[in-house]
PDB file of N, CA and C in Angstrom:
ATOM      1  N   MET A   1      98.104 109.430 105.213  1.00  0.00           N
ATOM      2  CA  MET A   1      98.610 108.959 104.124  1.00  0.00           C
ATOM      3  C   MET A   1      97.852 109.429 103.119  1.00  0.00           C
ATOM      4  N   SER A   2      98.168 109.403 101.733  1.00  0.00           N
ATOM      5  CA  SER A   2      97.686 109.910 100.624  1.00  0.00           C
ATOM      6  C   SER A   2      97.299 108.879  99.601  1.00  0.00           C
ATOM      7  N   VAL A   3      95.811 108.902  99.301  1.00  0.00           N
ATOM      8  CA  VAL A   3      95.725 107.732  98.063  1.00  0.00           C
ATOM      9  C   VAL A   3      95.097 108.378  97.124  1.00  0.00           C
ATOM     10  N   GLU A   4      95.588 107.799  95.667  1.00  0.00           N
ATOM     11  CA  GLU A   4      94.932 108.051  94.479  1.00  0.00           C
ATOM     12  C   GLU A   4      93.672 107.247  94.501  1.00  0.00           C
ATOM     13  N   VAL A   5      92.615 107.844  94.102  1.00  0.00           N
ATOM     14  CA  VAL A   5      91.354 106.869  93.602  1.00  0.00           C
ATOM     15  C   VAL A   5      90.966 106.876  92.284  1.00  0.00           C
ATOM     16  N   ARG A   6      90.745 106.064  91.917  1.00  0.00           N
ATOM     17  CA  ARG A   6      90.440 105.876  90.391  1.00  0.00           C
ATOM     18  C   ARG A   6      88.537 105.549  90.163  1.00  0.00           C
ATOM     19  N   TRP A   7      87.792 106.248  89.454  1.00  0.00           N
ATOM     20  CA  TRP A   7      86.476 105.814  89.407  1.00  0.00           C
ATOM     21  C   TRP A   7      86.309 105.193  87.927  1.00  0.00           C
ATOM     22  N   PHE A   8      85.596 104.011  87.975  1.00  0.00           N
ATOM     23  CA  PHE A   8      85.259 103.727  86.566  1.00  0.00           C
ATOM     24  C   PHE A   8      83.696 103.536  86.401  1.00  0.00           C
ATOM     25  N   ALA A   9      83.617 103.723  84.833  1.00  0.00           N
ATOM     26  CA  ALA A   9      82.033 103.676  84.273  1.00  0.00           C
ATOM     27  C   ALA A   9      80.995 104.472  85.044  1.00  0.00           C
ATOM     28  N   SER A  10      80.069 103.827  85.523  1.00  0.00           N
ATOM     29  CA  SER A  10      78.799 104.705  86.073  1.00  0.00           C
ATOM     30  C   SER A  10      79.279 105.339  87.307  1.00  0.00           C
ATOM     31  N   LEU A  11      80.339 104.758  87.925  1.00  0.00           N
ATOM     32  CA  LEU A  11      81.021 105.354  89.359  1.00  0.00           C
ATOM     33  C   LEU A  11      81.403 106.971  88.809  1.00  0.00           C
ATOM     34  N   SER A  12      81.906 106.915  88.095  1.00  0.00           N
ATOM     35  CA  SER A  12      82.764 108.423  87.682  1.00  0.00           C
ATOM     36  C   SER A  12      81.920 109.200  87.123  1.00  0.00           C
ATOM     37  N   GLU A  13      80.883 108.929  86.772  1.00  0.00           N
ATOM     38  CA  GLU A  13      79.404 109.875  86.531  1.00  0.00           C
ATOM     39  C   GLU A  13      79.006 109.999  87.622  1.00  0.00           C
ATOM     40  N   THR A  14      78.774 109.381  88.482  1.00  0.00           N
ATOM     41  CA  THR A  14      78.398 109.783  89.821  1.00  0.00           C
ATOM     42  C   THR A  14      78.804 110.586  90.359  1.00  0.00           C
ATOM     43  N   VAL A  15      80.112 110.583  90.647  1.00  0.00           N
ATOM     44  CA  VAL A  15      80.996 111.696  91.458  1.00  0.00           C
ATOM     45  C   VAL A  15      81.752 112.716  90.403  1.00  0.00           C
ATOM     46  N   GLY A  16      81.248 112.459  89.104  1.00  0.00           N
ATOM     47  CA  GLY A  16      81.735 113.681  88.575  1.00  0.00           C
ATOM     48  C   GLY A  16      83.270 113.945  87.836  1.00  0.00           C
ATOM     49  N   ARG A  17      83.673 112.773  88.096  1.00  0.00           N
ATOM     50  CA  ARG A  17      85.377 112.967  87.548  1.00  0.00           C
ATOM     51  C   ARG A  17      85.916 111.404  87.434  1.00  0.00           C
ATOM     52  N   SER A  18      86.991 111.195  87.093  1.00  0.00           N
ATOM     53  CA  SER A  18      87.487 110.053  87.002  1.00  0.00           C
ATOM     54  C   SER A  18      88.718 109.653  88.057  1.00  0.00           C
ATOM     55  N   ASP A  19      89.176 110.564  88.374  1.00  0.00           N
ATOM     56  CA  ASP A  19      90.022 110.452  89.547  1.00  0.00           C
ATOM     57  C   ASP A  19      90.174 111.515  90.676  1.00  0.00           C
ATOM     58  N   GLU A  20      90.680 111.185  91.691  1.00  0.00           N
ATOM     59  CA  GLU A  20      91.048 112.011  92.919  1.00  0.00           C
ATOM     60  C   GLU A  20      91.960 111.529  93.821  1.00  0.00           C
ATOM     61  N   ARG A  21      92.228 112.595  94.679  1.00  0.00           N
ATOM     62  CA  ARG A  21      93.282 111.953  95.903  1.00  0.00           C
ATOM     63  C   ARG A  21      92.673 112.567  97.225  1.00  0.00           C
ATOM     64  N   ILE A  22      92.812 111.364  98.238  1.00  0.00           N
ATOM     65  CA  ILE A  22      92.347 111.733  99.490  1.00  0.00           C
ATOM     66  C   ILE A  22      93.489 111.432 100.659  1.00  0.00           C
ATOM     67  N   GLU A  23      93.295 112.102 101.355  1.00  0.00           N
ATOM     68  CA  GLU A  23      94.229 111.986 102.986  1.00  0.00           C
ATOM     69  C   GLU A  23      93.303 111.075 103.820  1.00  0.00           C
ATOM     70  N   LEU A  24      94.290 110.019 104.516  1.00  0.00           N
ATOM     71  CA  LEU A  24      93.401 109.292 105.288  1.00  0.00           C
ATOM     72  C   LEU A  24      94.423 109.207 106.534  1.00  0.00           C
ATOM     73  N   ALA A  25      93.803 108.771 107.342  1.00  0.00           N
ATOM     74  CA  ALA A  25      94.746 108.313 108.740  1.00  0.00           C
ATOM     75  C   ALA A  25      95.179 106.896 108.661  1.00  0.00           C
ATOM     76  N   PRO A  26      96.810 106.906 108.960  1.00  0.00           N
ATOM     77  CA  PRO A  26      97.586 105.642 108.659  1.00  0.00           C
ATOM     78  C   PRO A  26      96.856 104.560 109.264  1.00  0.00           C
ATOM     79  N   GLY A  27      96.795 103.630 108.736  1.00  0.00           N
ATOM     80  CA  GLY A  27      95.815 102.136 109.366  1.00  0.00           C
ATOM     81  C   GLY A  27      94.753 102.194 108.657  1.00  0.00           C
ATOM     82  N   SER A  28      94.139 103.183 108.119  1.00  0.00           N
ATOM     83  CA  SER A  28      92.945 102.984 107.409  1.00  0.00           C
ATOM     84  C   SER A  28      92.658 101.857 106.520  1.00  0.00           C
ATOM     85  N   ASP A  29      91.391 101.275 106.187  1.00  0.00           N
ATOM     86  CA  ASP A  29      91.437 100.357 105.167  1.00  0.00           C
ATOM     87  C   ASP A  29      90.460 100.927 104.158  1.00  0.00           C
ATOM     88  N   VAL A  30      89.906  99.891 103.155  1.00  0.00           N
ATOM     89  CA  VAL A  30      89.106  99.962 102.043  1.00  0.00           C
ATOM     90  C   VAL A  30      87.749 100.802 102.463  1.00  0.00           C
ATOM     91  N   SER A  31      87.365  99.991 103.837  1.00  0.00           N
ATOM     92  CA  SER A  31      86.001 100.394 104.306  1.00  0.00           C
ATOM     93  C   SER A  31      85.775 102.147 104.812  1.00  0.00           C
ATOM     94  N   ALA A  32      87.156 102.197 105.562  1.00  0.00           N
ATOM     95  CA  ALA A  32      87.419 103.490 106.088  1.00  0.00           C
ATOM     96  C   ALA A  32      87.435 104.693 104.885  1.00  0.00           C
ATOM     97  N   LEU A  33      88.112 104.125 103.842  1.00  0.00           N
ATOM     98  CA  LEU A  33      88.173 104.989 102.765  1.00  0.00           C
ATOM     99  C   LEU A  33      86.761 105.381 102.004  1.00  0.00           C
ATOM    100  N   TRP A  34      86.118 104.372 101.673  1.00  0.00           N
ATOM    101  CA  TRP A  34      84.559 104.458 101.165  1.00  0.00           C
ATOM    102  C   TRP A  34      83.779 105.356 101.750  1.00  0.00           C
ATOM    103  N   ALA A  35      83.799 105.507 103.186  1.00  0.00           N
ATOM    104  CA  ALA A  35      82.979 106.117 104.494  1.00  0.00           C
ATOM    105  C   ALA A  35      83.171 107.774 103.814  1.00  0.00           C
ATOM    106  N   ALA A  36      84.902 107.692 103.662  1.00  0.00           N
ATOM    107  CA  ALA A  36      85.183 109.124 103.500  1.00  0.00           C
ATOM    108  C   ALA A  36      84.851 109.517 102.375  1.00  0.00           C
ATOM    109  N   LEU A  37      84.845 108.803 101.302  1.00  0.00           N
ATOM    110  CA  LEU A  37      84.078 109.309  99.960  1.00  0.00           C
ATOM    111  C   LEU A  37      83.196 109.319 100.002  1.00  0.00           C
ATOM    112  N   VAL A  38      82.176 108.483 100.630  1.00  0.00           N
ATOM    113  CA  VAL A  38      80.692 108.728 100.816  1.00  0.00           C
ATOM    114  C   VAL A  38      80.141 110.125 101.257  1.00  0.00           C
ATOM    115  N   ALA A  39      80.901 110.494 102.329  1.00  0.00           N
ATOM    116  CA  ALA A  39      80.972 112.003 103.014  1.00  0.00           C
ATOM    117  C   ALA A  39      81.267 112.888 101.800  1.00  0.00           C
ATOM    118  N   ARG A  40      82.190 112.826 100.941  1.00  0.00           N
ATOM    119  CA  ARG A  40      82.797 113.672 100.014  1.00  0.00           C
ATOM    120  C   ARG A  40      81.385 113.678  98.931  1.00  0.00           C
ATOM    121  N   HIS A  41      80.966 112.696  98.552  1.00  0.00           N
ATOM    122  CA  HIS A  41      80.198 112.490  97.376  1.00  0.00           C
ATOM    123  C   HIS A  41      79.135 111.569  97.873  1.00  0.00           C
ATOM    124  N   PRO A  42      77.884 112.275  98.381  1.00  0.00           N
ATOM    125  CA  PRO A  42      76.817 111.796  98.869  1.00  0.00           C
ATOM    126  C   PRO A  42      76.028 110.900  98.251  1.00  0.00           C
ATOM    127  N   ALA A  43      76.287 110.933  96.903  1.00  0.00           N
ATOM    128  CA  ALA A  43      75.362 110.154  95.976  1.00  0.00           C
ATOM    129  C   ALA A  43      75.882 108.976  95.913  1.00  0.00           C
ATOM    130  N   LEU A  44      76.917 108.510  96.376  1.00  0.00           N
ATOM    131  CA  LEU A  44      77.814 107.135  96.555  1.00  0.00           C
ATOM    132  C   LEU A  44      76.736 106.414  97.525  1.00  0.00           C
ATOM    133  N   GLY A  45      76.506 106.976  98.476  1.00  0.00           N
ATOM    134  CA  GLY A  45      75.589 106.120  99.591  1.00  0.00           C
ATOM    135  C   GLY A  45      74.174 105.595  99.029  1.00  0.00           C
ATOM    136  N   ALA A  46      73.667 106.188  98.020  1.00  0.00           N
ATOM    137  CA  ALA A  46      72.586 105.785  97.568  1.00  0.00           C
ATOM    138  C   ALA A  46      72.407 104.781  96.265  1.00  0.00           C
ATOM    139  N   LEU A  47      73.647 104.371  96.180  1.00  0.00           N
ATOM    140  CA  LEU A  47      73.770 103.343  95.075  1.00  0.00           C
ATOM    141  C   LEU A  47      73.058 102.285  95.355  1.00  0.00           C
ATOM    142  N   GLY A  48      73.255 101.487  96.427  1.00  0.00           N
ATOM    143  CA  GLY A  48      72.347 100.144  96.564  1.00  0.00           C
ATOM    144  C   GLY A  48      73.330  98.932  96.407  1.00  0.00           C
ATOM    145  N   TYR A  49      74.704  99.228  96.270  1.00  0.00           N
ATOM    146  CA  TYR A  49      75.554  98.194  95.972  1.00  0.00           C
ATOM    147  C   TYR A  49      76.962  98.535  96.587  1.00  0.00           C
ATOM    148  N   ARG A  50      77.811  97.781  96.880  1.00  0.00           N
ATOM    149  CA  ARG A  50      79.213  97.931  96.928  1.00  0.00           C
ATOM    150  C   ARG A  50      80.156  97.577  95.624  1.00  0.00           C
ATOM    151  N   PRO A  51      80.639  98.740  95.214  1.00  0.00           N
ATOM    152  CA  PRO A  51      81.651  98.115  94.200  1.00  0.00           C
ATOM    153  C   PRO A  51      82.658  97.485  94.221  1.00  0.00           C
ATOM    154  N   LEU A  52      83.230  96.910  93.251  1.00  0.00           N
ATOM    155  CA  LEU A  52      84.514  96.072  93.360  1.00  0.00           C
ATOM    156  C   LEU A  52      85.427  96.760  93.600  1.00  0.00           C
ATOM    157  N   VAL A  53      86.576  96.524  94.224  1.00  0.00           N
ATOM    158  CA  VAL A  53      87.898  97.120  94.743  1.00  0.00           C
ATOM    159  C   VAL A  53      89.176  96.888  94.040  1.00  0.00           C
ATOM    160  N   ALA A  54      89.797  97.734  93.643  1.00  0.00           N
ATOM    161  CA  ALA A  54      91.344  96.994  93.414  1.00  0.00           C
ATOM    162  C   ALA A  54      92.201  97.874  93.807  1.00  0.00           C
ATOM    163  N   CYS A  55      93.305  97.257  94.601  1.00  0.00           N
ATOM    164  CA  CYS A  55      94.389  98.085  95.425  1.00  0.00           C
ATOM    165  C   CYS A  55      95.385  97.774  94.648  1.00  0.00           C
ATOM    166  N   ASP A  56      96.241  98.646  94.003  1.00  0.00           N
ATOM    167  CA  ASP A  56      97.138  98.908  92.859  1.00  0.00           C
ATOM    168  C   ASP A  56      97.180  97.944  91.995  1.00  0.00           C
ATOM    169  N   ARG A  57      96.021  98.160  91.516  1.00  0.00           N
ATOM    170  CA  ARG A  57      95.839  96.991  90.282  1.00  0.00           C
ATOM    171  C   ARG A  57      95.504  95.450  90.672  1.00  0.00           C
ATOM    172  N   GLU A  58      95.192  94.944  91.962  1.00  0.00           N
ATOM    173  CA  GLU A  58      94.911  93.665  92.234  1.00  0.00           C
ATOM    174  C   GLU A  58      93.294  93.845  92.822  1.00  0.00           C
ATOM    175  N   TYR A  59      92.700  92.788  92.899  1.00  0.00           N
ATOM    176  CA  TYR A  59      91.446  93.060  93.409  1.00  0.00           C
ATOM    177  C   TYR A  59      91.413  92.922  95.129  1.00  0.00           C
ATOM    178  N   ALA A  60      90.878  93.275  95.559  1.00  0.00           N
ATOM    179  CA  ALA A  60      90.906  93.560  97.004  1.00  0.00           C
ATOM    180  C   ALA A  60      89.539  93.243  97.963  1.00  0.00           C
ATOM    181  N   GLY A  61      89.680  92.966  99.111  1.00  0.00           N
ATOM    182  CA  GLY A  61      88.370  93.037  99.929  1.00  0.00           C
ATOM    183  C   GLY A  61      88.176  94.346 100.500  1.00  0.00           C
ATOM    184  N   TRP A  62      87.112  94.797 101.367  1.00  0.00           N
ATOM    185  CA  TRP A  62      87.005  95.896 101.691  1.00  0.00           C
ATOM    186  C   TRP A  62      87.425  96.193 103.196  1.00  0.00           C
ATOM    187  N   ASP A  63      88.338  95.123 103.620  1.00  0.00           N
ATOM    188  CA  ASP A  63      88.843  94.961 105.100  1.00  0.00           C
ATOM    189  C   ASP A  63      90.496  95.109 104.524  1.00  0.00           C
ATOM    190  N   ARG A  64      90.787  95.359 103.701  1.00  0.00           N
ATOM    191  CA  ARG A  64      92.392  95.300 102.967  1.00  0.00           C
ATOM    192  C   ARG A  64      92.770  96.748 103.407  1.00  0.00           C
ATOM    193  N   ALA A  65      93.763  96.676 104.621  1.00  0.00           N
ATOM    194  CA  ALA A  65      94.614  97.929 104.685  1.00  0.00           C
ATOM    195  C   ALA A  65      95.119  98.653 103.753  1.00  0.00           C
ATOM    196  N   LEU A  66      95.169 100.103 103.886  1.00  0.00           N
ATOM    197  CA  LEU A  66      95.808 100.549 102.883  1.00  0.00           C
ATOM    198  C   LEU A  66      97.114 101.467 102.681  1.00  0.00           C
ATOM    199  N   ASP A  67      97.996 100.859 103.833  1.00  0.00           N
ATOM    200  CA  ASP A  67      99.117 101.387 104.171  1.00  0.00           C
ATOM    201  C   ASP A  67     100.195 100.702 102.951  1.00  0.00           C
ATOM    202  N   GLY A  68     100.731 101.688 102.446  1.00  0.00           N
ATOM    203  CA  GLY A  68     101.664 101.459 101.283  1.00  0.00           C
ATOM    204  C   GLY A  68     100.822 101.159 100.046  1.00  0.00           C
ATOM    205  N   VAL A  69      99.555 101.218  99.706  1.00  0.00           N
ATOM    206  CA  VAL A  69      98.919 101.315  98.617  1.00  0.00           C
ATOM    207  C   VAL A  69      99.005 102.759  98.157  1.00  0.00           C
ATOM    208  N   ASP A  70      99.179 102.893  96.747  1.00  0.00           N
ATOM    209  CA  ASP A  70      99.399 103.925  95.886  1.00  0.00           C
ATOM    210  C   ASP A  70      97.788 104.575  95.566  1.00  0.00           C
ATOM    211  N   GLU A  71      97.132 103.495  94.722  1.00  0.00           N
ATOM    212  CA  GLU A  71      96.125 103.622  93.837  1.00  0.00           C
ATOM    213  C   GLU A  71      94.794 102.687  94.389  1.00  0.00           C
ATOM    214  N   VAL A  72      93.440 103.085  94.555  1.00  0.00           N
ATOM    215  CA  VAL A  72      92.497 102.166  94.904  1.00  0.00           C
ATOM    216  C   VAL A  72      91.200 102.724  93.746  1.00  0.00           C
ATOM    217  N   ALA A  73      91.070 101.820  93.051  1.00  0.00           N
ATOM    218  CA  ALA A  73      90.059 101.693  92.014  1.00  0.00           C
ATOM    219  C   ALA A  73      88.877 101.163  92.176  1.00  0.00           C
ATOM    220  N   PHE A  74      87.568 101.993  92.053  1.00  0.00           N
ATOM    221  CA  PHE A  74      86.374 101.402  92.475  1.00  0.00           C
ATOM    222  C   PHE A  74      85.941 101.159  91.001  1.00  0.00           C
ATOM    223  N   LEU A  75      85.191  99.939  90.802  1.00  0.00           N
ATOM    224  CA  LEU A  75      84.277  99.473  89.798  1.00  0.00           C
ATOM    225  C   LEU A  75      83.062  98.956  89.879  1.00  0.00           C
ATOM    226  N   PRO A  76      82.187  99.427  89.349  1.00  0.00           N
ATOM    227  CA  PRO A  76      80.652  98.949  89.488  1.00  0.00           C
ATOM    228  C   PRO A  76      80.539  97.491  88.987  1.00  0.00           C
ATOM    229  N   PRO A  77      79.497  96.848  89.548  1.00  0.00           N
ATOM    230  CA  PRO A  77      79.519  95.291  89.116  1.00  0.00           C
ATOM    231  C   PRO A  77      78.972  95.395  87.627  1.00  0.00           C
ATOM    232  N   VAL A  78      79.472  94.169  86.697  1.00  0.00           N
ATOM    233  CA  VAL A  78      79.118  94.241  85.698  1.00  0.00           C
ATOM    234  C   VAL A  78      78.497  93.031  85.256  1.00  0.00           C
ATOM    235  N   SER A  79      77.747  92.668  84.290  1.00  0.00           N
ATOM    236  CA  SER A  79      76.994  91.680  83.980  1.00  0.00           C
ATOM    237  C   SER A  79      77.208  91.547  82.305  1.00  0.00           C
ATOM    238  N   GLY A  80      77.150  90.194  81.839  1.00  0.00           N
ATOM    239  CA  GLY A  80      77.013  89.894  80.431  1.00  0.00           C
ATOM    240  C   GLY A  80      76.377  89.017  80.340  1.00  0.00           C
ATOM    241  N   GLY A  81      76.318  88.869  78.748  1.00  0.00           N
ATOM    242  CA  GLY A  81      75.179  87.899  78.249  1.00  0.00           C
ATOM    243  C   GLY A  81      75.508  87.356  77.091  1.00  0.00           C
TER     244      GLY A  81
END
């Protein structure tokens, strides 16, 4: 299966792009996607946090299955004040 990945804010700076497409085995979940992305972009492994995830524009957990999902977005944590 093919998934479009969107990177936001500092994450796009870390990987050097705002989006990319990746092929995954059927039945993969967000955690498997992240592992494949860390292999592709090793700097992600040094972040020290797990970004927020949205699948098809809805927040999702790391165990969310990606079958039928077209787009996965990764967002860094934000703080306000």
